[in-house]
Amino acid sequence: MKKVFATLALLAFATAAVPVWAAPQTVTLDVPGMTCPACPFTVKKALSRVDGVEKVEVSLKQREAVVTFDNTVTSPQALAEATTNAGYAATIKH
């Protein structure tokens, strides 16, 4: 009986920890410092390492990165900071 109660308590806690309204969001970052063919690889790698990032598309031609992420884990500001820390200052495109 104790195992059943412990299992139910664990399940209740696990489902309560995930908000119902959590959903993937997409943000576009302007990354004007990308000037060579290798730059998008560095930017993509930096963004992919951020917890909560689900998908990254980087365009050298547009000098931007489109990132799909879990908004309960990370934020657009954290994504911009990740590219900045990799040497490519980024701003959130509105």
PDB file of N, CA and C in Angstrom:
ATOM      1  N   MET A   1       0.821  -1.193   0.000  1.00  0.00           N
ATOM      2  CA  MET A   1       0.000   0.000   0.000  1.00  0.00           C
ATOM      3  C   MET A   1       0.863   1.254   0.000  1.00  0.00           C
ATOM      4  N   LYS A   2       1.971   1.207   0.754  1.00  0.00           N
ATOM      5  CA  LYS A   2       2.850   2.368   0.816  1.00  0.00           C
ATOM      6  C   LYS A   2       3.463   2.655  -0.556  1.00  0.00           C
ATOM      7  N   LYS A   3       3.768   1.592  -1.312  1.00  0.00           N
ATOM      8  CA  LYS A   3       4.355   1.783  -2.639  1.00  0.00           C
ATOM      9  C   LYS A   3       3.347   2.433  -3.582  1.00  0.00           C
ATOM     10  N   VAL A   4       2.088   2.036  -3.480  1.00  0.00           N
ATOM     11  CA  VAL A   4       1.046   2.622  -4.322  1.00  0.00           C
ATOM     12  C   VAL A   4       0.896   4.100  -3.993  1.00  0.00           C
ATOM     13  N   PHE A   5       0.851   4.428  -2.708  1.00  0.00           N
ATOM     14  CA  PHE A   5       0.724   5.827  -2.301  1.00  0.00           C
ATOM     15  C   PHE A   5       1.928   6.646  -2.767  1.00  0.00           C
ATOM     16  N   ALA A   6       3.125   6.088  -2.628  1.00  0.00           N
ATOM     17  CA  ALA A   6       4.341   6.790  -3.037  1.00  0.00           C
ATOM     18  C   ALA A   6       4.344   7.023  -4.550  1.00  0.00           C
ATOM     19  N   THR A   7       3.902   6.033  -5.306  1.00  0.00           N
ATOM     20  CA  THR A   7       3.833   6.171  -6.763  1.00  0.00           C
ATOM     21  C   THR A   7       2.831   7.241  -7.162  1.00  0.00           C
ATOM     22  N   LEU A   8       1.672   7.235  -6.554  1.00  0.00           N
ATOM     23  CA  LEU A   8       0.661   8.242  -6.856  1.00  0.00           C
ATOM     24  C   LEU A   8       1.146   9.644  -6.480  1.00  0.00           C
ATOM     25  N   ALA A   9       1.813   9.765  -5.357  1.00  0.00           N
ATOM     26  CA  ALA A   9       2.339  11.061  -4.935  1.00  0.00           C
ATOM     27  C   ALA A   9       3.389  11.554  -5.926  1.00  0.00           C
ATOM     28  N   LEU A  10       4.245  10.663  -6.384  1.00  0.00           N
ATOM     29  CA  LEU A  10       5.270  11.022  -7.358  1.00  0.00           C
ATOM     30  C   LEU A  10       4.648  11.460  -8.675  1.00  0.00           C
ATOM     31  N   LEU A  11       3.634  10.747  -9.130  1.00  0.00           N
ATOM     32  CA  LEU A  11       2.947  11.127 -10.368  1.00  0.00           C
ATOM     33  C   LEU A  11       2.259  12.480 -10.230  1.00  0.00           C
ATOM     34  N   ALA A  12       1.641  12.725  -9.100  1.00  0.00           N
ATOM     35  CA  ALA A  12       0.974  14.009  -8.879  1.00  0.00           C
ATOM     36  C   ALA A  12       1.985  15.145  -8.877  1.00  0.00           C
ATOM     37  N   PHE A  13       3.126  14.928  -8.261  1.00  0.00           N
ATOM     38  CA  PHE A  13       4.167  15.956  -8.231  1.00  0.00           C
ATOM     39  C   PHE A  13       4.730  16.190  -9.628  1.00  0.00           C
ATOM     40  N   ALA A  14       4.972  15.130 -10.374  1.00  0.00           N
ATOM     41  CA  ALA A  14       5.555  15.260 -11.716  1.00  0.00           C
ATOM     42  C   ALA A  14       4.623  16.019 -12.654  1.00  0.00           C
ATOM     43  N   THR A  15       3.343  15.749 -12.598  1.00  0.00           N
ATOM     44  CA  THR A  15       2.415  16.446 -13.488  1.00  0.00           C
ATOM     45  C   THR A  15       2.172  17.868 -13.033  1.00  0.00           C
ATOM     46  N   ALA A  16       2.295  18.145 -11.740  1.00  0.00           N
ATOM     47  CA  ALA A  16       2.108  19.505 -11.250  1.00  0.00           C
ATOM     48  C   ALA A  16       3.304  20.387 -11.605  1.00  0.00           C
ATOM     49  N   ALA A  17       4.459  19.774 -11.814  1.00  0.00           N
ATOM     50  CA  ALA A  17       5.666  20.544 -12.110  1.00  0.00           C
ATOM     51  C   ALA A  17       5.686  21.070 -13.539  1.00  0.00           C
ATOM     52  N   VAL A  18       4.854  20.526 -14.409  1.00  0.00           N
ATOM     53  CA  VAL A  18       4.820  20.959 -15.801  1.00  0.00           C
ATOM     54  C   VAL A  18       3.556  21.780 -16.027  1.00  0.00           C
ATOM     55  N   PRO A  19       3.698  23.080 -16.273  1.00  0.00           N
ATOM     56  CA  PRO A  19       2.513  23.908 -16.487  1.00  0.00           C
ATOM     57  C   PRO A  19       1.735  23.458 -17.722  1.00  0.00           C
ATOM     58  N   VAL A  20       0.447  23.554 -17.632  1.00  0.00           N
ATOM     59  CA  VAL A  20      -0.417  23.152 -18.730  1.00  0.00           C
ATOM     60  C   VAL A  20      -0.217  24.068 -19.935  1.00  0.00           C
ATOM     61  N   TRP A  21       0.105  25.312 -19.713  1.00  0.00           N
ATOM     62  CA  TRP A  21       0.220  26.287 -20.778  1.00  0.00           C
ATOM     63  C   TRP A  21       1.589  26.279 -21.457  1.00  0.00           C
ATOM     64  N   ALA A  22       2.512  25.413 -21.045  1.00  0.00           N
ATOM     65  CA  ALA A  22       3.829  25.354 -21.677  1.00  0.00           C
ATOM     66  C   ALA A  22       3.675  24.900 -23.124  1.00  0.00           C
ATOM     67  N   ALA A  23       4.324  25.621 -24.006  1.00  0.00           N
ATOM     68  CA  ALA A  23       4.265  25.284 -25.425  1.00  0.00           C
ATOM     69  C   ALA A  23       5.522  25.801 -26.102  1.00  0.00           C
ATOM     70  N   PRO A  24       5.920  25.151 -27.172  1.00  0.00           N
ATOM     71  CA  PRO A  24       7.087  25.659 -27.897  1.00  0.00           C
ATOM     72  C   PRO A  24       6.810  27.056 -28.438  1.00  0.00           C
ATOM     73  N   GLN A  25       7.808  27.898 -28.353  1.00  0.00           N
ATOM     74  CA  GLN A  25       7.720  29.234 -28.912  1.00  0.00           C
ATOM     75  C   GLN A  25       8.868  29.419 -29.890  1.00  0.00           C
ATOM     76  N   THR A  26       8.717  30.362 -30.795  1.00  0.00           N
ATOM     77  CA  THR A  26       9.750  30.648 -31.781  1.00  0.00           C
ATOM     78  C   THR A  26      10.121  32.120 -31.697  1.00  0.00           C
ATOM     79  N   VAL A  27      11.423  32.375 -31.768  1.00  0.00           N
ATOM     80  CA  VAL A  27      11.926  33.737 -31.752  1.00  0.00           C
ATOM     81  C   VAL A  27      12.961  33.868 -32.870  1.00  0.00           C
ATOM     82  N   THR A  28      13.018  35.066 -33.447  1.00  0.00           N
ATOM     83  CA  THR A  28      14.028  35.359 -34.460  1.00  0.00           C
ATOM     84  C   THR A  28      15.031  36.326 -33.848  1.00  0.00           C
ATOM     85  N   LEU A  29      16.298  35.968 -33.971  1.00  0.00           N
ATOM     86  CA  LEU A  29      17.372  36.804 -33.463  1.00  0.00           C
ATOM     87  C   LEU A  29      18.126  37.427 -34.628  1.00  0.00           C
ATOM     88  N   ASP A  30      18.365  38.730 -34.557  1.00  0.00           N
ATOM     89  CA  ASP A  30      19.243  39.393 -35.517  1.00  0.00           C
ATOM     90  C   ASP A  30      20.669  39.156 -35.046  1.00  0.00           C
ATOM     91  N   VAL A  31      21.505  38.650 -35.956  1.00  0.00           N
ATOM     92  CA  VAL A  31      22.904  38.383 -35.631  1.00  0.00           C
ATOM     93  C   VAL A  31      23.762  39.038 -36.711  1.00  0.00           C
ATOM     94  N   PRO A  32      23.931  40.360 -36.658  1.00  0.00           N
ATOM     95  CA  PRO A  32      24.608  41.092 -37.727  1.00  0.00           C
ATOM     96  C   PRO A  32      26.092  40.784 -37.861  1.00  0.00           C
ATOM     97  N   GLY A  33      26.703  40.211 -36.845  1.00  0.00           N
ATOM     98  CA  GLY A  33      28.143  39.932 -36.895  1.00  0.00           C
ATOM     99  C   GLY A  33      28.522  38.721 -37.718  1.00  0.00           C
ATOM    100  N   MET A  34      27.546  37.980 -38.225  1.00  0.00           N
ATOM    101  CA  MET A  34      27.869  36.823 -39.068  1.00  0.00           C
ATOM    102  C   MET A  34      28.291  37.328 -40.444  1.00  0.00           C
ATOM    103  N   THR A  35      29.541  37.078 -40.791  1.00  0.00           N
ATOM    104  CA  THR A  35      30.051  37.600 -42.056  1.00  0.00           C
ATOM    105  C   THR A  35      30.708  36.546 -42.944  1.00  0.00           C
ATOM    106  N   CYS A  36      30.915  35.337 -42.435  1.00  0.00           N
ATOM    107  CA  CYS A  36      31.584  34.309 -43.241  1.00  0.00           C
ATOM    108  C   CYS A  36      30.786  33.007 -43.192  1.00  0.00           C
ATOM    109  N   PRO A  37      31.084  32.083 -44.091  1.00  0.00           N
ATOM    110  CA  PRO A  37      30.329  30.823 -44.134  1.00  0.00           C
ATOM    111  C   PRO A  37      30.424  29.978 -42.864  1.00  0.00           C
ATOM    112  N   ALA A  38      31.451  30.159 -42.053  1.00  0.00           N
ATOM    113  CA  ALA A  38      31.596  29.370 -40.823  1.00  0.00           C
ATOM    114  C   ALA A  38      30.774  29.937 -39.667  1.00  0.00           C
ATOM    115  N   CYS A  39      30.434  31.206 -39.734  1.00  0.00           N
ATOM    116  CA  CYS A  39      29.710  31.862 -38.627  1.00  0.00           C
ATOM    117  C   CYS A  39      28.406  31.161 -38.250  1.00  0.00           C
ATOM    118  N   PRO A  40      27.554  30.785 -39.207  1.00  0.00           N
ATOM    119  CA  PRO A  40      26.293  30.144 -38.824  1.00  0.00           C
ATOM    120  C   PRO A  40      26.479  28.850 -38.031  1.00  0.00           C
ATOM    121  N   PHE A  41      27.562  28.128 -38.294  1.00  0.00           N
ATOM    122  CA  PHE A  41      27.809  26.889 -37.548  1.00  0.00           C
ATOM    123  C   PHE A  41      28.088  27.188 -36.078  1.00  0.00           C
ATOM    124  N   THR A  42      28.859  28.237 -35.827  1.00  0.00           N
ATOM    125  CA  THR A  42      29.168  28.624 -34.449  1.00  0.00           C
ATOM    126  C   THR A  42      27.916  29.102 -33.726  1.00  0.00           C
ATOM    127  N   VAL A  43      27.113  29.905 -34.397  1.00  0.00           N
ATOM    128  CA  VAL A  43      25.873  30.418 -33.794  1.00  0.00           C
ATOM    129  C   VAL A  43      24.906  29.269 -33.504  1.00  0.00           C
ATOM    130  N   LYS A  44      24.755  28.364 -34.463  1.00  0.00           N
ATOM    131  CA  LYS A  44      23.845  27.234 -34.277  1.00  0.00           C
ATOM    132  C   LYS A  44      24.300  26.352 -33.115  1.00  0.00           C
ATOM    133  N   LYS A  45      25.592  26.117 -33.033  1.00  0.00           N
ATOM    134  CA  LYS A  45      26.121  25.287 -31.952  1.00  0.00           C
ATOM    135  C   LYS A  45      25.863  25.939 -30.597  1.00  0.00           C
ATOM    136  N   ALA A  46      26.099  27.249 -30.497  1.00  0.00           N
ATOM    137  CA  ALA A  46      25.869  27.964 -29.232  1.00  0.00           C
ATOM    138  C   ALA A  46      24.405  27.897 -28.816  1.00  0.00           C
ATOM    139  N   LEU A  47      23.510  28.089 -29.766  1.00  0.00           N
ATOM    140  CA  LEU A  47      22.076  28.051 -29.453  1.00  0.00           C
ATOM    141  C   LEU A  47      21.603  26.641 -29.118  1.00  0.00           C
ATOM    142  N   SER A  48      22.129  25.660 -29.811  1.00  0.00           N
ATOM    143  CA  SER A  48      21.718  24.265 -29.583  1.00  0.00           C
ATOM    144  C   SER A  48      22.102  23.776 -28.195  1.00  0.00           C
ATOM    145  N   ARG A  49      23.117  24.378 -27.603  1.00  0.00           N
ATOM    146  CA  ARG A  49      23.565  23.973 -26.271  1.00  0.00           C
ATOM    147  C   ARG A  49      22.701  24.533 -25.145  1.00  0.00           C
ATOM    148  N   VAL A  50      21.815  25.456 -25.447  1.00  0.00           N
ATOM    149  CA  VAL A  50      20.946  26.040 -24.425  1.00  0.00           C
ATOM    150  C   VAL A  50      19.836  25.044 -24.101  1.00  0.00           C
ATOM    151  N   ASP A  51      19.673  24.739 -22.819  1.00  0.00           N
ATOM    152  CA  ASP A  51      18.599  23.835 -22.401  1.00  0.00           C
ATOM    153  C   ASP A  51      17.255  24.393 -22.846  1.00  0.00           C
ATOM    154  N   GLY A  52      16.407  23.530 -23.384  1.00  0.00           N
ATOM    155  CA  GLY A  52      15.073  23.928 -23.816  1.00  0.00           C
ATOM    156  C   GLY A  52      14.971  24.241 -25.298  1.00  0.00           C
ATOM    157  N   VAL A  53      16.099  24.351 -25.984  1.00  0.00           N
ATOM    158  CA  VAL A  53      16.073  24.634 -27.422  1.00  0.00           C
ATOM    159  C   VAL A  53      15.696  23.360 -28.165  1.00  0.00           C
ATOM    160  N   GLU A  54      14.714  23.476 -29.044  1.00  0.00           N
ATOM    161  CA  GLU A  54      14.222  22.329 -29.800  1.00  0.00           C
ATOM    162  C   GLU A  54      14.695  22.335 -31.253  1.00  0.00           C
ATOM    163  N   LYS A  55      14.843  23.535 -31.834  1.00  0.00           N
ATOM    164  CA  LYS A  55      15.204  23.630 -33.242  1.00  0.00           C
ATOM    165  C   LYS A  55      15.898  24.966 -33.487  1.00  0.00           C
ATOM    166  N   VAL A  56      16.940  24.944 -34.341  1.00  0.00           N
ATOM    167  CA  VAL A  56      17.663  26.168 -34.687  1.00  0.00           C
ATOM    168  C   VAL A  56      17.889  26.191 -36.196  1.00  0.00           C
ATOM    169  N   GLU A  57      17.528  27.303 -36.811  1.00  0.00           N
ATOM    170  CA  GLU A  57      17.817  27.535 -38.222  1.00  0.00           C
ATOM    171  C   GLU A  57      18.552  28.861 -38.315  1.00  0.00           C
ATOM    172  N   VAL A  58      19.740  28.859 -38.936  1.00  0.00           N
ATOM    173  CA  VAL A  58      20.558  30.056 -39.034  1.00  0.00           C
ATOM    174  C   VAL A  58      20.768  30.398 -40.495  1.00  0.00           C
ATOM    175  N   SER A  59      20.588  31.666 -40.836  1.00  0.00           N
ATOM    176  CA  SER A  59      20.764  32.136 -42.208  1.00  0.00           C
ATOM    177  C   SER A  59      21.863  33.190 -42.254  1.00  0.00           C
ATOM    178  N   LEU A  60      22.930  32.886 -42.984  1.00  0.00           N
ATOM    179  CA  LEU A  60      23.995  33.869 -43.177  1.00  0.00           C
ATOM    180  C   LEU A  60      23.494  35.021 -44.030  1.00  0.00           C
ATOM    181  N   LYS A  61      22.728  34.702 -45.061  1.00  0.00           N
ATOM    182  CA  LYS A  61      22.217  35.728 -45.962  1.00  0.00           C
ATOM    183  C   LYS A  61      21.342  36.744 -45.218  1.00  0.00           C
ATOM    184  N   GLN A  62      20.443  36.260 -44.379  1.00  0.00           N
ATOM    185  CA  GLN A  62      19.550  37.129 -43.604  1.00  0.00           C
ATOM    186  C   GLN A  62      20.215  37.649 -42.329  1.00  0.00           C
ATOM    187  N   ARG A  63      21.344  37.034 -41.960  1.00  0.00           N
ATOM    188  CA  ARG A  63      22.039  37.342 -40.708  1.00  0.00           C
ATOM    189  C   ARG A  63      21.081  37.248 -39.515  1.00  0.00           C
ATOM    190  N   GLU A  64      20.423  36.087 -39.449  1.00  0.00           N
ATOM    191  CA  GLU A  64      19.477  35.857 -38.365  1.00  0.00           C
ATOM    192  C   GLU A  64      19.421  34.392 -37.996  1.00  0.00           C
ATOM    193  N   ALA A  65      18.903  34.136 -36.814  1.00  0.00           N
ATOM    194  CA  ALA A  65      18.690  32.776 -36.323  1.00  0.00           C
ATOM    195  C   ALA A  65      17.238  32.665 -35.868  1.00  0.00           C
ATOM    196  N   VAL A  66      16.577  31.612 -36.281  1.00  0.00           N
ATOM    197  CA  VAL A  66      15.207  31.337 -35.868  1.00  0.00           C
ATOM    198  C   VAL A  66      15.274  30.135 -34.927  1.00  0.00           C
ATOM    199  N   VAL A  67      14.815  30.338 -33.693  1.00  0.00           N
ATOM    200  CA  VAL A  67      14.960  29.325 -32.660  1.00  0.00           C
ATOM    201  C   VAL A  67      13.599  28.951 -32.091  1.00  0.00           C
ATOM    202  N   THR A  68      13.326  27.655 -32.045  1.00  0.00           N
ATOM    203  CA  THR A  68      12.128  27.134 -31.391  1.00  0.00           C
ATOM    204  C   THR A  68      12.584  26.564 -30.051  1.00  0.00           C
ATOM    205  N   PHE A  69      11.888  26.962 -28.976  1.00  0.00           N
ATOM    206  CA  PHE A  69      12.334  26.599 -27.639  1.00  0.00           C
ATOM    207  C   PHE A  69      11.147  26.429 -26.699  1.00  0.00           C
ATOM    208  N   ASP A  70      11.427  25.786 -25.577  1.00  0.00           N
ATOM    209  CA  ASP A  70      10.430  25.604 -24.519  1.00  0.00           C
ATOM    210  C   ASP A  70      10.535  26.814 -23.595  1.00  0.00           C
ATOM    211  N   ASN A  71       9.490  27.602 -23.541  1.00  0.00           N
ATOM    212  CA  ASN A  71       9.532  28.841 -22.754  1.00  0.00           C
ATOM    213  C   ASN A  71       9.500  28.615 -21.248  1.00  0.00           C
ATOM    214  N   THR A  72       9.305  27.386 -20.811  1.00  0.00           N
ATOM    215  CA  THR A  72       9.385  27.111 -19.373  1.00  0.00           C
ATOM    216  C   THR A  72      10.819  26.788 -18.954  1.00  0.00           C
ATOM    217  N   VAL A  73      11.698  26.625 -19.937  1.00  0.00           N
ATOM    218  CA  VAL A  73      13.078  26.260 -19.659  1.00  0.00           C
ATOM    219  C   VAL A  73      14.047  27.399 -19.960  1.00  0.00           C
ATOM    220  N   THR A  74      13.792  28.149 -21.028  1.00  0.00           N
ATOM    221  CA  THR A  74      14.692  29.237 -21.414  1.00  0.00           C
ATOM    222  C   THR A  74      13.887  30.435 -21.915  1.00  0.00           C
ATOM    223  N   SER A  75      14.590  31.487 -22.299  1.00  0.00           N
ATOM    224  CA  SER A  75      13.927  32.714 -22.738  1.00  0.00           C
ATOM    225  C   SER A  75      14.659  33.291 -23.943  1.00  0.00           C
ATOM    226  N   PRO A  76      13.999  34.187 -24.681  1.00  0.00           N
ATOM    227  CA  PRO A  76      14.683  34.841 -25.798  1.00  0.00           C
ATOM    228  C   PRO A  76      15.945  35.585 -25.349  1.00  0.00           C
ATOM    229  N   GLN A  77      15.905  36.172 -24.170  1.00  0.00           N
ATOM    230  CA  GLN A  77      17.077  36.881 -23.658  1.00  0.00           C
ATOM    231  C   GLN A  77      18.249  35.930 -23.436  1.00  0.00           C
ATOM    232  N   ALA A  78      17.969  34.744 -22.919  1.00  0.00           N
ATOM    233  CA  ALA A  78      19.029  33.750 -22.698  1.00  0.00           C
ATOM    234  C   ALA A  78      19.600  33.269 -24.030  1.00  0.00           C
ATOM    235  N   LEU A  79      18.751  33.181 -25.055  1.00  0.00           N
ATOM    236  CA  LEU A  79      19.225  32.765 -26.372  1.00  0.00           C
ATOM    237  C   LEU A  79      20.144  33.824 -26.974  1.00  0.00           C
ATOM    238  N   ALA A  80      19.744  35.081 -26.861  1.00  0.00           N
ATOM    239  CA  ALA A  80      20.585  36.175 -27.360  1.00  0.00           C
ATOM    240  C   ALA A  80      21.910  36.212 -26.600  1.00  0.00           C
ATOM    241  N   GLU A  81      21.858  35.946 -25.321  1.00  0.00           N
ATOM    242  CA  GLU A  81      23.079  35.925 -24.506  1.00  0.00           C
ATOM    243  C   GLU A  81      24.008  34.788 -24.949  1.00  0.00           C
ATOM    244  N   ALA A  82      23.436  33.650 -25.324  1.00  0.00           N
ATOM    245  CA  ALA A  82      24.257  32.518 -25.764  1.00  0.00           C
ATOM    246  C   ALA A  82      25.042  32.864 -27.023  1.00  0.00           C
ATOM    247  N   THR A  83      24.414  33.535 -27.985  1.00  0.00           N
ATOM    248  CA  THR A  83      25.147  33.903 -29.196  1.00  0.00           C
ATOM    249  C   THR A  83      26.174  34.985 -28.898  1.00  0.00           C
ATOM    250  N   THR A  84      25.822  35.906 -28.022  1.00  0.00           N
ATOM    251  CA  THR A  84      26.765  36.961 -27.637  1.00  0.00           C
ATOM    252  C   THR A  84      27.989  36.356 -26.965  1.00  0.00           C
ATOM    253  N   ASN A  85      27.777  35.389 -26.095  1.00  0.00           N
ATOM    254  CA  ASN A  85      28.895  34.720 -25.425  1.00  0.00           C
ATOM    255  C   ASN A  85      29.764  33.942 -26.408  1.00  0.00           C
ATOM    256  N   ALA A  86      29.202  33.558 -27.549  1.00  0.00           N
ATOM    257  CA  ALA A  86      29.962  32.845 -28.578  1.00  0.00           C
ATOM    258  C   ALA A  86      30.680  33.814 -29.521  1.00  0.00           C
ATOM    259  N   GLY A  87      30.503  35.116 -29.278  1.00  0.00           N
ATOM    260  CA  GLY A  87      31.192  36.108 -30.089  1.00  0.00           C
ATOM    261  C   GLY A  87      30.347  36.781 -31.143  1.00  0.00           C
ATOM    262  N   TYR A  88      29.045  36.514 -31.128  1.00  0.00           N
ATOM    263  CA  TYR A  88      28.129  37.084 -32.119  1.00  0.00           C
ATOM    264  C   TYR A  88      26.968  37.761 -31.403  1.00  0.00           C
ATOM    265  N   ALA A  89      27.103  39.050 -31.186  1.00  0.00           N
ATOM    266  CA  ALA A  89      26.052  39.807 -30.497  1.00  0.00           C
ATOM    267  C   ALA A  89      24.736  39.649 -31.240  1.00  0.00           C
ATOM    268  N   ALA A  90      23.668  39.421 -30.502  1.00  0.00           N
ATOM    269  CA  ALA A  90      22.354  39.209 -31.090  1.00  0.00           C
ATOM    270  C   ALA A  90      21.318  40.066 -30.384  1.00  0.00           C
ATOM    271  N   THR A  91      20.308  40.436 -31.130  1.00  0.00           N
ATOM    272  CA  THR A  91      19.162  41.137 -30.550  1.00  0.00           C
ATOM    273  C   THR A  91      17.898  40.395 -30.978  1.00  0.00           C
ATOM    274  N   ILE A  92      16.860  40.542 -30.184  1.00  0.00           N
ATOM    275  CA  ILE A  92      15.583  39.900 -30.491  1.00  0.00           C
ATOM    276  C   ILE A  92      14.867  40.741 -31.543  1.00  0.00           C
ATOM    277  N   LYS A  93      14.494  40.082 -32.618  1.00  0.00           N
ATOM    278  CA  LYS A  93      13.794  40.762 -33.704  1.00  0.00           C
ATOM    279  C   LYS A  93      12.310  40.853 -33.351  1.00  0.00           C
ATOM    280  N   HIS A  94      11.740  42.029 -33.478  1.00  0.00           N
ATOM    281  CA  HIS A  94      10.320  42.216 -33.117  1.00  0.00           C
ATOM    282  C   HIS A  94       9.456  42.302 -34.347  1.00  0.00           C
TER     283      HIS A  94
END
